[in-house]
N, C-alpha and C. Protein backbone atom coordinates (compact mmCIF):
# COMPACT_ATOMS: atom_id res chain seq x y z
N GLY A 1 -42.28 59.10 41.09
CA GLY A 1 -42.52 57.91 40.30
C GLY A 1 -41.48 57.75 39.22
N LEU A 2 -41.37 56.59 38.75
CA LEU A 2 -40.40 56.26 37.70
C LEU A 2 -41.08 56.24 36.34
N PRO A 3 -40.57 57.00 35.39
CA PRO A 3 -41.20 57.01 34.07
C PRO A 3 -41.12 55.66 33.36
N GLU A 4 -40.21 54.79 33.81
CA GLU A 4 -40.15 53.44 33.24
C GLU A 4 -41.33 52.59 33.70
N VAL A 5 -41.96 52.99 34.78
CA VAL A 5 -43.05 52.21 35.36
C VAL A 5 -44.39 52.92 35.20
N ILE A 6 -44.40 54.22 35.33
CA ILE A 6 -45.65 55.00 35.31
C ILE A 6 -45.77 55.72 33.98
N HIS A 7 -46.92 55.55 33.35
CA HIS A 7 -47.24 56.29 32.12
C HIS A 7 -48.10 57.47 32.55
N ASP A 8 -47.49 58.65 32.50
CA ASP A 8 -48.12 59.86 33.02
C ASP A 8 -49.52 60.07 32.48
N GLY A 9 -50.47 60.19 33.41
CA GLY A 9 -51.86 60.43 33.05
C GLY A 9 -52.64 59.18 32.72
N LYS A 10 -51.95 58.04 32.59
CA LYS A 10 -52.63 56.78 32.26
C LYS A 10 -52.60 55.79 33.42
N SER A 11 -51.42 55.56 33.99
CA SER A 11 -51.31 54.62 35.11
C SER A 11 -50.79 55.32 36.37
N GLY A 12 -50.81 56.62 36.35
CA GLY A 12 -50.35 57.42 37.49
C GLY A 12 -49.96 58.80 37.00
N PHE A 13 -49.35 59.56 37.86
CA PHE A 13 -48.90 60.89 37.50
C PHE A 13 -47.43 61.04 37.83
N LEU A 14 -46.73 61.68 36.94
CA LEU A 14 -45.33 62.03 37.18
C LEU A 14 -45.26 63.53 37.42
N PHE A 15 -44.38 63.93 38.32
CA PHE A 15 -44.19 65.35 38.59
C PHE A 15 -42.85 65.54 39.26
N ASN A 16 -42.35 66.73 39.17
CA ASN A 16 -41.10 67.09 39.82
C ASN A 16 -41.37 67.21 41.32
N VAL A 17 -40.61 66.50 42.13
CA VAL A 17 -40.86 66.50 43.57
C VAL A 17 -40.71 67.89 44.19
N ALA A 18 -39.99 68.76 43.51
CA ALA A 18 -39.84 70.12 44.02
C ALA A 18 -41.09 70.96 43.73
N GLN A 19 -41.94 70.47 42.85
CA GLN A 19 -43.15 71.20 42.48
C GLN A 19 -44.34 70.70 43.31
N THR A 20 -44.41 71.11 44.55
CA THR A 20 -45.47 70.63 45.43
C THR A 20 -46.85 71.06 44.96
N ASP A 21 -46.95 72.21 44.31
CA ASP A 21 -48.25 72.65 43.78
C ASP A 21 -48.74 71.69 42.71
N GLU A 22 -47.85 71.25 41.86
CA GLU A 22 -48.21 70.31 40.79
C GLU A 22 -48.66 68.97 41.39
N ALA A 23 -47.94 68.49 42.38
CA ALA A 23 -48.31 67.24 43.04
C ALA A 23 -49.68 67.36 43.69
N ALA A 24 -49.92 68.45 44.38
CA ALA A 24 -51.20 68.66 45.04
C ALA A 24 -52.33 68.76 44.02
N GLU A 25 -52.08 69.45 42.92
CA GLU A 25 -53.09 69.60 41.87
C GLU A 25 -53.49 68.24 41.30
N LYS A 26 -52.51 67.39 41.06
CA LYS A 26 -52.78 66.07 40.51
C LYS A 26 -53.50 65.18 41.52
N ALA A 27 -53.15 65.30 42.78
CA ALA A 27 -53.84 64.53 43.82
C ALA A 27 -55.31 64.97 43.93
N VAL A 28 -55.54 66.26 43.93
CA VAL A 28 -56.91 66.78 44.01
C VAL A 28 -57.70 66.36 42.79
N ARG A 29 -57.06 66.40 41.63
CA ARG A 29 -57.73 65.98 40.40
C ARG A 29 -58.21 64.54 40.51
N LEU A 30 -57.36 63.66 41.04
CA LEU A 30 -57.75 62.26 41.23
C LEU A 30 -58.89 62.12 42.23
N LEU A 31 -58.85 62.90 43.29
CA LEU A 31 -59.91 62.82 44.30
C LEU A 31 -61.26 63.31 43.77
N LYS A 32 -61.22 64.26 42.87
CA LYS A 32 -62.46 64.84 42.35
C LYS A 32 -63.04 64.07 41.17
N ASP A 33 -62.19 63.44 40.39
CA ASP A 33 -62.64 62.77 39.17
C ASP A 33 -62.64 61.26 39.37
N LYS A 34 -63.79 60.71 39.72
CA LYS A 34 -63.90 59.27 40.02
C LYS A 34 -63.57 58.42 38.80
N ASP A 35 -63.98 58.86 37.60
CA ASP A 35 -63.68 58.08 36.39
C ASP A 35 -62.18 58.02 36.15
N LEU A 36 -61.51 59.15 36.31
CA LEU A 36 -60.06 59.19 36.15
C LEU A 36 -59.40 58.30 37.19
N TYR A 37 -59.86 58.39 38.43
CA TYR A 37 -59.32 57.56 39.50
C TYR A 37 -59.42 56.08 39.14
N HIS A 38 -60.60 55.64 38.71
CA HIS A 38 -60.79 54.22 38.40
C HIS A 38 -59.98 53.80 37.18
N SER A 39 -59.88 54.66 36.20
CA SER A 39 -59.12 54.33 35.00
C SER A 39 -57.63 54.21 35.33
N ILE A 40 -57.10 55.14 36.11
CA ILE A 40 -55.68 55.08 36.51
C ILE A 40 -55.43 53.88 37.41
N LYS A 41 -56.34 53.62 38.31
CA LYS A 41 -56.19 52.47 39.21
C LYS A 41 -56.12 51.17 38.42
N GLU A 42 -57.01 50.99 37.47
CA GLU A 42 -57.02 49.77 36.66
C GLU A 42 -55.77 49.65 35.79
N ALA A 43 -55.37 50.75 35.17
CA ALA A 43 -54.17 50.74 34.33
C ALA A 43 -52.92 50.44 35.16
N ALA A 44 -52.85 51.01 36.35
CA ALA A 44 -51.69 50.78 37.23
C ALA A 44 -51.65 49.32 37.68
N LEU A 45 -52.80 48.78 38.03
CA LEU A 45 -52.86 47.38 38.47
C LEU A 45 -52.45 46.44 37.34
N THR A 46 -52.98 46.68 36.16
CA THR A 46 -52.64 45.84 35.00
C THR A 46 -51.15 45.94 34.68
N ALA A 47 -50.63 47.15 34.63
CA ALA A 47 -49.21 47.34 34.32
C ALA A 47 -48.32 46.68 35.36
N THR A 48 -48.69 46.83 36.61
CA THR A 48 -47.89 46.24 37.70
C THR A 48 -47.90 44.72 37.61
N GLN A 49 -49.05 44.15 37.35
CA GLN A 49 -49.14 42.69 37.24
C GLN A 49 -48.32 42.18 36.06
N GLU A 50 -48.30 42.95 34.97
CA GLU A 50 -47.52 42.52 33.80
C GLU A 50 -46.02 42.70 34.03
N MET A 51 -45.61 43.85 34.55
CA MET A 51 -44.19 44.14 34.72
C MET A 51 -43.54 43.33 35.82
N PHE A 52 -44.29 43.04 36.87
CA PHE A 52 -43.70 42.42 38.05
C PHE A 52 -44.28 41.04 38.35
N ALA A 53 -44.77 40.37 37.30
CA ALA A 53 -45.27 39.00 37.47
C ALA A 53 -44.12 38.14 37.99
N MET A 54 -44.45 37.24 38.91
CA MET A 54 -43.42 36.43 39.56
C MET A 54 -42.54 35.69 38.55
N ASN A 55 -43.15 35.04 37.56
CA ASN A 55 -42.33 34.27 36.61
C ASN A 55 -41.41 35.18 35.80
N LYS A 56 -41.84 36.39 35.50
CA LYS A 56 -41.01 37.33 34.75
C LYS A 56 -39.86 37.84 35.60
N VAL A 57 -40.14 38.22 36.83
CA VAL A 57 -39.12 38.76 37.73
C VAL A 57 -38.09 37.70 38.07
N VAL A 58 -38.54 36.49 38.36
CA VAL A 58 -37.61 35.40 38.70
C VAL A 58 -36.69 35.12 37.51
N SER A 59 -37.27 35.10 36.32
CA SER A 59 -36.47 34.86 35.12
C SER A 59 -35.42 35.96 34.94
N GLN A 60 -35.78 37.20 35.18
CA GLN A 60 -34.82 38.29 35.05
C GLN A 60 -33.70 38.17 36.07
N TYR A 61 -34.04 37.80 37.30
CA TYR A 61 -32.99 37.62 38.31
C TYR A 61 -32.08 36.46 37.94
N GLU A 62 -32.66 35.39 37.43
CA GLU A 62 -31.85 34.25 37.03
C GLU A 62 -30.84 34.66 35.96
N GLN A 63 -31.28 35.46 34.99
CA GLN A 63 -30.39 35.91 33.94
C GLN A 63 -29.26 36.78 34.50
N ILE A 64 -29.60 37.62 35.47
CA ILE A 64 -28.56 38.45 36.10
C ILE A 64 -27.52 37.58 36.79
N TYR A 65 -28.00 36.60 37.57
CA TYR A 65 -27.07 35.74 38.30
C TYR A 65 -26.23 34.89 37.36
N LEU A 66 -26.83 34.44 36.26
CA LEU A 66 -26.10 33.61 35.32
C LEU A 66 -25.06 34.41 34.53
N SER A 67 -25.31 35.70 34.36
CA SER A 67 -24.33 36.49 33.62
C SER A 67 -23.24 36.94 34.56
């Protein structure tokens, strides 16, 4: 995951891809903790909708092309 997009522990989990134990631990934690799962799911959905809203993304691309 990208730290610019994911807030560790709030809208997802960040981990070193070489640390498979850490990735597995975080996945199991999500599977076992329904409240955490729902909270992360909602935060991720909200963040994604805000960061990648069509009008925002189109405006950013327009600025790139214009520059």
